[in-house]
Amino acid sequence: MSAIYKRELKSYFTSPLGYIVMVVYLALYGYVFSMLYAVGAPEISMVFSSFSFITAFLIPVLTMRLFSEERRQKTDRALMTAPVSLTGIVMGKYLAALTVFGLSQAVTLIYQTIFAFNVTVDWVGYLSCLVGTMLMAAALIAVGLFISSLTDSQIVAAVISIAVSVMLFSLDGFLSGVKAEWIVKALQWISFQGRYYTFIEGLFDIANTVYFISFSAVFLFLTVRVQESKRWA
């Protein structure tokens, strides 16, 4: 798994992809931070909450090539026959994408430190925001990885991943038009938005943590099954 992880992590920085995602986050985070600082509202939670929906568009950029590019370049067969388990291949790619995303979030520590020099800050609340963001990203990366394993087109993988990610964030918006209570409860249970904003509010919720981890695990399992079916196809 470590070999796959190093290979994928290196590929993010030998092409513009990793840099693009990180620069976009740095630029947008910097803009929101400067605006909050200028108006005297140094709340790091507001920085995180501003990007929950944008993350649904940026993470598919990280995941779109993970398997689809292997299929397009016909290198997937060599990968499948490598002395690495399918789980190791999937986890290596998954952790590489998660690492790049994590690096893009590291800048928030700088902003929080700057806030700390000016006002009393809530470090527990900051950690809650950071953990919630990483858990949500982990779930979206797992979804994107699964979708990438289904197609040899990066564009198709990106478009479908964006659509699914946005849907996961927007489910709460459909509740007002739904009459059946069981459907409302189901949509509320699946929706990422409410669960994520619990962390933004500084509440480290175990149930939501388990949900995001389980959600990630399900899609990683499905990705392994897809790759297994292709190995024997």
C-alpha atoms as a PDB file:
ATOM      1  CA  MET A   1       0.000   0.000   0.000  1.00  0.00           C
ATOM      2  CA  SER A   2       2.811   2.429   0.832  1.00  0.00           C
ATOM      3  CA  ALA A   3       4.223   2.144  -2.685  1.00  0.00           C
ATOM      4  CA  ILE A   4       0.851   3.022  -4.216  1.00  0.00           C
ATOM      5  CA  TYR A   5       0.429   5.869  -1.727  1.00  0.00           C
ATOM      6  CA  LYS A   6       3.837   7.363  -2.561  1.00  0.00           C
ATOM      7  CA  ARG A   7       3.232   6.935  -6.289  1.00  0.00           C
ATOM      8  CA  GLU A   8      -0.128   8.685  -6.185  1.00  0.00           C
ATOM      9  CA  LEU A   9       1.045  11.443  -3.859  1.00  0.00           C
ATOM     10  CA  LYS A  10       3.991  12.151  -6.136  1.00  0.00           C
ATOM     11  CA  SER A  11       1.707  12.240  -9.178  1.00  0.00           C
ATOM     12  CA  TYR A  12      -0.315  15.055  -7.615  1.00  0.00           C
ATOM     13  CA  PHE A  13       2.767  17.247  -7.516  1.00  0.00           C
ATOM     14  CA  THR A  14       4.359  16.225 -10.802  1.00  0.00           C
ATOM     15  CA  SER A  15       1.245  17.557 -12.531  1.00  0.00           C
ATOM     16  CA  PRO A  16      -0.677  20.793 -11.959  1.00  0.00           C
ATOM     17  CA  LEU A  17      -3.598  19.015 -10.290  1.00  0.00           C
ATOM     18  CA  GLY A  18      -2.438  19.065  -6.678  1.00  0.00           C
ATOM     19  CA  TYR A  19      -1.147  22.608  -6.973  1.00  0.00           C
ATOM     20  CA  ILE A  20      -4.405  23.840  -8.515  1.00  0.00           C
ATOM     21  CA  VAL A  21      -6.524  22.479  -5.664  1.00  0.00           C
ATOM     22  CA  MET A  22      -4.174  23.836  -3.003  1.00  0.00           C
ATOM     23  CA  VAL A  23      -3.852  27.262  -4.639  1.00  0.00           C
ATOM     24  CA  VAL A  24      -7.630  27.572  -4.983  1.00  0.00           C
ATOM     25  CA  TYR A  25      -8.100  26.754  -1.311  1.00  0.00           C
ATOM     26  CA  LEU A  26      -5.296  29.092  -0.236  1.00  0.00           C
ATOM     27  CA  ALA A  27      -6.673  31.952  -2.317  1.00  0.00           C
ATOM     28  CA  LEU A  28     -10.283  31.535  -1.198  1.00  0.00           C
ATOM     29  CA  TYR A  29      -9.414  30.885   2.444  1.00  0.00           C
ATOM     30  CA  GLY A  30      -7.147  33.927   2.370  1.00  0.00           C
ATOM     31  CA  TYR A  31      -9.908  36.100   0.931  1.00  0.00           C
ATOM     32  CA  VAL A  32     -12.493  35.041   3.526  1.00  0.00           C
ATOM     33  CA  PHE A  33      -9.956  35.387   6.345  1.00  0.00           C
ATOM     34  CA  SER A  34      -8.984  38.907   5.264  1.00  0.00           C
ATOM     35  CA  MET A  35     -12.638  39.946   5.056  1.00  0.00           C
ATOM     36  CA  LEU A  36     -13.401  38.601   8.547  1.00  0.00           C
ATOM     37  CA  TYR A  37     -10.268  40.202   9.955  1.00  0.00           C
ATOM     38  CA  ALA A  38     -11.117  43.542   8.355  1.00  0.00           C
ATOM     39  CA  VAL A  39     -14.607  43.679   9.861  1.00  0.00           C
ATOM     40  CA  GLY A  40     -13.387  42.506  13.270  1.00  0.00           C
ATOM     41  CA  ALA A  41     -15.053  39.095  13.240  1.00  0.00           C
ATOM     42  CA  PRO A  42     -12.149  36.702  13.825  1.00  0.00           C
ATOM     43  CA  GLU A  43     -14.092  33.442  13.912  1.00  0.00           C
ATOM     44  CA  ILE A  44     -12.326  30.505  12.280  1.00  0.00           C
ATOM     45  CA  SER A  45     -15.634  28.607  12.192  1.00  0.00           C
ATOM     46  CA  MET A  46     -16.898  31.167   9.669  1.00  0.00           C
ATOM     47  CA  VAL A  47     -13.891  30.406   7.462  1.00  0.00           C
ATOM     48  CA  PHE A  48     -14.676  26.691   7.500  1.00  0.00           C
ATOM     49  CA  SER A  49     -18.417  27.106   7.019  1.00  0.00           C
ATOM     50  CA  SER A  50     -17.820  29.294   3.966  1.00  0.00           C
ATOM     51  CA  PHE A  51     -16.206  26.378   2.160  1.00  0.00           C
ATOM     52  CA  SER A  52     -18.389  23.389   2.931  1.00  0.00           C
ATOM     53  CA  PHE A  53     -20.235  23.638  -0.378  1.00  0.00           C
ATOM     54  CA  ILE A  54     -17.144  24.623  -2.399  1.00  0.00           C
ATOM     55  CA  THR A  55     -15.444  21.457  -1.163  1.00  0.00           C
ATOM     56  CA  ALA A  56     -18.100  19.453  -2.997  1.00  0.00           C
ATOM     57  CA  PHE A  57     -16.739  20.917  -6.249  1.00  0.00           C
ATOM     58  CA  LEU A  58     -13.018  20.717  -5.484  1.00  0.00           C
ATOM     59  CA  ILE A  59     -12.704  17.182  -4.136  1.00  0.00           C
ATOM     60  CA  PRO A  60     -13.886  15.588  -7.420  1.00  0.00           C
ATOM     61  CA  VAL A  61     -10.909  17.314  -9.052  1.00  0.00           C
ATOM     62  CA  LEU A  62      -8.653  15.304  -6.741  1.00  0.00           C
ATOM     63  CA  THR A  63     -10.417  11.993  -7.308  1.00  0.00           C
ATOM     64  CA  MET A  64     -11.409  12.073 -10.986  1.00  0.00           C
ATOM     65  CA  ARG A  65      -8.128  10.633 -12.275  1.00  0.00           C
ATOM     66  CA  LEU A  66      -7.374   8.031  -9.603  1.00  0.00           C
ATOM     67  CA  PHE A  67      -8.738   5.011 -11.490  1.00  0.00           C
ATOM     68  CA  SER A  68     -10.134   6.482 -14.694  1.00  0.00           C
ATOM     69  CA  GLU A  69      -6.672   7.576 -15.831  1.00  0.00           C
ATOM     70  CA  GLU A  70      -5.320   4.068 -15.210  1.00  0.00           C
ATOM     71  CA  ARG A  71      -8.031   2.648 -17.474  1.00  0.00           C
ATOM     72  CA  ARG A  72      -7.534   5.295 -20.154  1.00  0.00           C
ATOM     73  CA  GLN A  73      -3.786   4.688 -20.314  1.00  0.00           C
ATOM     74  CA  LYS A  74      -4.279   0.895 -20.141  1.00  0.00           C
ATOM     75  CA  THR A  75      -2.080   0.643 -17.053  1.00  0.00           C
ATOM     76  CA  ASP A  76      -4.849  -0.798 -14.898  1.00  0.00           C
ATOM     77  CA  ARG A  77      -4.006  -4.383 -15.866  1.00  0.00           C
ATOM     78  CA  ALA A  78      -0.424  -3.966 -14.722  1.00  0.00           C
ATOM     79  CA  LEU A  79      -1.690  -2.420 -11.509  1.00  0.00           C
ATOM     80  CA  MET A  80      -4.105  -5.294 -10.908  1.00  0.00           C
ATOM     81  CA  THR A  81      -1.323  -7.856 -11.330  1.00  0.00           C
ATOM     82  CA  ALA A  82       1.126  -6.022  -9.070  1.00  0.00           C
ATOM     83  CA  PRO A  83       2.107  -7.759  -5.802  1.00  0.00           C
ATOM     84  CA  VAL A  84      -0.289  -5.530  -3.860  1.00  0.00           C
ATOM     85  CA  SER A  85      -3.747  -6.428  -2.604  1.00  0.00           C
ATOM     86  CA  LEU A  86      -6.734  -4.679  -4.134  1.00  0.00           C
ATOM     87  CA  THR A  87      -7.492  -3.191  -0.743  1.00  0.00           C
ATOM     88  CA  GLY A  88      -3.935  -1.849  -0.610  1.00  0.00           C
ATOM     89  CA  ILE A  89      -4.300  -0.280  -4.062  1.00  0.00           C
ATOM     90  CA  VAL A  90      -7.588   1.379  -3.167  1.00  0.00           C
ATOM     91  CA  MET A  91      -6.364   2.581   0.227  1.00  0.00           C
ATOM     92  CA  GLY A  92      -3.100   3.893  -1.223  1.00  0.00           C
ATOM     93  CA  LYS A  93      -4.957   6.048  -3.742  1.00  0.00           C
ATOM     94  CA  TYR A  94      -7.519   7.103  -1.159  1.00  0.00           C
ATOM     95  CA  LEU A  95      -4.960   8.176   1.443  1.00  0.00           C
ATOM     96  CA  ALA A  96      -2.938  10.099  -1.158  1.00  0.00           C
ATOM     97  CA  ALA A  97      -5.986  12.192  -2.104  1.00  0.00           C
ATOM     98  CA  LEU A  98      -6.856  12.684   1.566  1.00  0.00           C
ATOM     99  CA  THR A  99      -3.275  13.819   2.287  1.00  0.00           C
ATOM    100  CA  VAL A 100      -3.394  16.458  -0.441  1.00  0.00           C
ATOM    101  CA  PHE A 101      -6.689  17.737   0.898  1.00  0.00           C
ATOM    102  CA  GLY A 102      -5.264  17.777   4.425  1.00  0.00           C
ATOM    103  CA  LEU A 103      -2.301  19.857   3.259  1.00  0.00           C
ATOM    104  CA  SER A 104      -4.709  22.386   1.769  1.00  0.00           C
ATOM    105  CA  GLN A 105      -6.370  22.737   5.183  1.00  0.00           C
ATOM    106  CA  ALA A 106      -3.110  23.275   7.081  1.00  0.00           C
ATOM    107  CA  VAL A 107      -3.214  26.989   6.285  1.00  0.00           C
ATOM    108  CA  THR A 108      -6.181  27.383   8.657  1.00  0.00           C
ATOM    109  CA  LEU A 109      -3.778  26.845  11.574  1.00  0.00           C
ATOM    110  CA  ILE A 110      -1.916  29.983  10.474  1.00  0.00           C
ATOM    111  CA  TYR A 111      -5.165  31.953  10.401  1.00  0.00           C
ATOM    112  CA  GLN A 112      -6.206  30.657  13.813  1.00  0.00           C
ATOM    113  CA  THR A 113      -2.807  31.647  15.225  1.00  0.00           C
ATOM    114  CA  ILE A 114      -3.166  35.165  13.799  1.00  0.00           C
ATOM    115  CA  PHE A 115      -6.614  35.402  15.393  1.00  0.00           C
ATOM    116  CA  ALA A 116      -5.088  34.253  18.709  1.00  0.00           C
ATOM    117  CA  PHE A 117      -2.731  37.247  18.747  1.00  0.00           C
ATOM    118  CA  ASN A 118      -5.734  39.579  18.596  1.00  0.00           C
ATOM    119  CA  VAL A 119      -8.545  37.915  20.516  1.00  0.00           C
ATOM    120  CA  THR A 120      -9.168  34.933  22.736  1.00  0.00           C
ATOM    121  CA  VAL A 121      -9.810  32.004  20.433  1.00  0.00           C
ATOM    122  CA  ASP A 122     -11.545  28.689  20.950  1.00  0.00           C
ATOM    123  CA  TRP A 123      -8.931  26.046  20.101  1.00  0.00           C
ATOM    124  CA  VAL A 124     -11.320  23.204  20.878  1.00  0.00           C
ATOM    125  CA  GLY A 125     -13.804  24.728  18.442  1.00  0.00           C
ATOM    126  CA  TYR A 126     -11.053  25.024  15.832  1.00  0.00           C
ATOM    127  CA  LEU A 127     -10.105  21.365  16.222  1.00  0.00           C
ATOM    128  CA  SER A 128     -13.777  20.427  15.961  1.00  0.00           C
ATOM    129  CA  CYS A 129     -14.039  22.354  12.665  1.00  0.00           C
ATOM    130  CA  LEU A 130     -10.863  20.767  11.333  1.00  0.00           C
ATOM    131  CA  VAL A 131     -11.875  17.226  12.315  1.00  0.00           C
ATOM    132  CA  GLY A 132     -15.339  17.722  10.839  1.00  0.00           C
ATOM    133  CA  THR A 133     -13.886  19.026   7.584  1.00  0.00           C
ATOM    134  CA  MET A 134     -11.481  16.094   7.296  1.00  0.00           C
ATOM    135  CA  LEU A 135     -14.223  13.564   8.056  1.00  0.00           C
ATOM    136  CA  MET A 136     -16.528  15.103   5.471  1.00  0.00           C
ATOM    137  CA  ALA A 137     -13.700  15.223   2.924  1.00  0.00           C
ATOM    138  CA  ALA A 138     -12.837  11.598   3.652  1.00  0.00           C
ATOM    139  CA  ALA A 139     -16.414  10.600   2.811  1.00  0.00           C
ATOM    140  CA  LEU A 140     -16.493  12.655  -0.405  1.00  0.00           C
ATOM    141  CA  ILE A 141     -13.108  11.320  -1.504  1.00  0.00           C
ATOM    142  CA  ALA A 142     -14.368   7.763  -1.009  1.00  0.00           C
ATOM    143  CA  VAL A 143     -17.382   8.567  -3.208  1.00  0.00           C
ATOM    144  CA  GLY A 144     -15.176  10.172  -5.865  1.00  0.00           C
ATOM    145  CA  LEU A 145     -12.783   7.226  -5.827  1.00  0.00           C
ATOM    146  CA  PHE A 146     -15.658   4.806  -6.339  1.00  0.00           C
ATOM    147  CA  ILE A 147     -17.045   6.818  -9.258  1.00  0.00           C
ATOM    148  CA  SER A 148     -13.581   7.085 -10.818  1.00  0.00           C
ATOM    149  CA  SER A 149     -13.360   3.280 -10.736  1.00  0.00           C
ATOM    150  CA  LEU A 150     -16.475   3.016 -12.918  1.00  0.00           C
ATOM    151  CA  THR A 151     -15.289   5.001 -15.948  1.00  0.00           C
ATOM    152  CA  ASP A 152     -12.205   5.668 -18.063  1.00  0.00           C
ATOM    153  CA  SER A 153     -13.130   9.340 -18.533  1.00  0.00           C
ATOM    154  CA  GLN A 154     -11.837  11.856 -16.015  1.00  0.00           C
ATOM    155  CA  ILE A 155     -14.455  14.387 -17.107  1.00  0.00           C
ATOM    156  CA  VAL A 156     -17.319  11.948 -16.617  1.00  0.00           C
ATOM    157  CA  ALA A 157     -15.914  10.948 -13.220  1.00  0.00           C
ATOM    158  CA  ALA A 158     -15.608  14.608 -12.175  1.00  0.00           C
ATOM    159  CA  VAL A 159     -19.105  15.583 -13.340  1.00  0.00           C
ATOM    160  CA  ILE A 160     -20.812  12.628 -11.654  1.00  0.00           C
ATOM    161  CA  SER A 161     -18.781  13.106  -8.463  1.00  0.00           C
ATOM    162  CA  ILE A 162     -19.721  16.795  -8.319  1.00  0.00           C
ATOM    163  CA  ALA A 163     -23.391  15.940  -8.870  1.00  0.00           C
ATOM    164  CA  VAL A 164     -23.373  13.328  -6.093  1.00  0.00           C
ATOM    165  CA  SER A 165     -21.408  15.556  -3.707  1.00  0.00           C
ATOM    166  CA  VAL A 166     -23.730  18.517  -4.262  1.00  0.00           C
ATOM    167  CA  MET A 167     -26.735  16.247  -3.784  1.00  0.00           C
ATOM    168  CA  LEU A 168     -25.354  15.013  -0.462  1.00  0.00           C
ATOM    169  CA  PHE A 169     -25.071  18.631   0.663  1.00  0.00           C
ATOM    170  CA  SER A 170     -28.423  19.738  -0.742  1.00  0.00           C
ATOM    171  CA  LEU A 171     -30.747  17.041   0.576  1.00  0.00           C
ATOM    172  CA  ASP A 172     -31.974  19.331   3.366  1.00  0.00           C
ATOM    173  CA  GLY A 173     -33.232  21.741   0.726  1.00  0.00           C
ATOM    174  CA  PHE A 174     -35.763  19.206  -0.519  1.00  0.00           C
ATOM    175  CA  LEU A 175     -37.393  18.660   2.877  1.00  0.00           C
ATOM    176  CA  SER A 176     -39.949  21.469   2.628  1.00  0.00           C
ATOM    177  CA  GLY A 177     -41.695  19.828  -0.323  1.00  0.00           C
ATOM    178  CA  VAL A 178     -41.758  16.326   1.144  1.00  0.00           C
ATOM    179  CA  LYS A 179     -44.885  15.230   2.978  1.00  0.00           C
ATOM    180  CA  ALA A 180     -43.943  11.714   4.030  1.00  0.00           C
ATOM    181  CA  GLU A 181     -42.264  11.876   7.436  1.00  0.00           C
ATOM    182  CA  TRP A 182     -40.163   8.762   6.859  1.00  0.00           C
ATOM    183  CA  ILE A 183     -38.675  10.291   3.703  1.00  0.00           C
ATOM    184  CA  VAL A 184     -37.870  13.502   5.595  1.00  0.00           C
ATOM    185  CA  LYS A 185     -36.108  11.525   8.319  1.00  0.00           C
ATOM    186  CA  ALA A 186     -34.211   9.468   5.748  1.00  0.00           C
ATOM    187  CA  LEU A 187     -33.002  12.576   3.896  1.00  0.00           C
ATOM    188  CA  GLN A 188     -31.997  14.240   7.159  1.00  0.00           C
ATOM    189  CA  TRP A 189     -30.084  11.127   8.169  1.00  0.00           C
ATOM    190  CA  ILE A 190     -28.190  10.921   4.851  1.00  0.00           C
ATOM    191  CA  SER A 191     -27.551  14.659   4.441  1.00  0.00           C
ATOM    192  CA  PHE A 192     -24.003  15.859   5.058  1.00  0.00           C
ATOM    193  CA  GLN A 193     -24.909  19.462   5.784  1.00  0.00           C
ATOM    194  CA  GLY A 194     -26.486  19.073   9.200  1.00  0.00           C
ATOM    195  CA  ARG A 195     -23.862  16.607  10.371  1.00  0.00           C
ATOM    196  CA  TYR A 196     -20.994  18.801   9.191  1.00  0.00           C
ATOM    197  CA  TYR A 197     -22.374  21.965  10.776  1.00  0.00           C
ATOM    198  CA  THR A 198     -22.517  20.189  14.117  1.00  0.00           C
ATOM    199  CA  PHE A 199     -18.710  20.188  14.041  1.00  0.00           C
ATOM    200  CA  ILE A 200     -18.634  23.816  12.861  1.00  0.00           C
ATOM    201  CA  GLU A 201     -20.656  24.739  15.941  1.00  0.00           C
ATOM    202  CA  GLY A 202     -17.901  23.216  18.083  1.00  0.00           C
ATOM    203  CA  LEU A 203     -19.748  20.027  18.997  1.00  0.00           C
ATOM    204  CA  PHE A 204     -17.622  16.926  18.507  1.00  0.00           C
ATOM    205  CA  ASP A 205     -20.431  14.466  17.930  1.00  0.00           C
ATOM    206  CA  ILE A 206     -19.566  10.760  18.107  1.00  0.00           C
ATOM    207  CA  ALA A 207     -22.616   9.696  16.085  1.00  0.00           C
ATOM    208  CA  ASN A 208     -21.686  12.009  13.207  1.00  0.00           C
ATOM    209  CA  THR A 209     -18.066  10.870  13.396  1.00  0.00           C
ATOM    210  CA  VAL A 210     -19.157   7.242  13.095  1.00  0.00           C
ATOM    211  CA  TYR A 211     -21.477   8.188  10.220  1.00  0.00           C
ATOM    212  CA  PHE A 212     -18.735   9.801   8.122  1.00  0.00           C
ATOM    213  CA  ILE A 213     -16.271   6.977   8.839  1.00  0.00           C
ATOM    214  CA  SER A 214     -18.885   4.338   7.995  1.00  0.00           C
ATOM    215  CA  PHE A 215     -19.898   6.200   4.840  1.00  0.00           C
ATOM    216  CA  SER A 216     -16.261   6.257   3.724  1.00  0.00           C
ATOM    217  CA  ALA A 217     -15.805   2.580   4.552  1.00  0.00           C
ATOM    218  CA  VAL A 218     -18.855   1.557   2.495  1.00  0.00           C
ATOM    219  CA  PHE A 219     -17.645   3.309  -0.648  1.00  0.00           C
ATOM    220  CA  LEU A 220     -14.090   2.050  -0.204  1.00  0.00           C
ATOM    221  CA  PHE A 221     -15.497  -1.466   0.077  1.00  0.00           C
ATOM    222  CA  LEU A 222     -17.550  -0.936  -3.090  1.00  0.00           C
ATOM    223  CA  THR A 223     -14.469   0.336  -4.919  1.00  0.00           C
ATOM    224  CA  VAL A 224     -12.551  -2.793  -3.950  1.00  0.00           C
ATOM    225  CA  ARG A 225     -15.421  -4.934  -5.216  1.00  0.00           C
ATOM    226  CA  VAL A 226     -15.458  -3.050  -8.538  1.00  0.00           C
ATOM    227  CA  GLN A 227     -11.735  -3.612  -8.970  1.00  0.00           C
ATOM    228  CA  GLU A 228     -12.106  -7.259  -8.023  1.00  0.00           C
ATOM    229  CA  SER A 229     -14.766  -7.754 -10.701  1.00  0.00           C
ATOM    230  CA  LYS A 230     -12.450  -6.182 -13.285  1.00  0.00           C
ATOM    231  CA  ARG A 231      -9.561  -8.383 -12.244  1.00  0.00           C
ATOM    232  CA  TRP A 232     -11.545 -11.478 -13.139  1.00  0.00           C
ATOM    233  CA  ALA A 233     -13.325  -9.982 -16.164  1.00  0.00           C
END
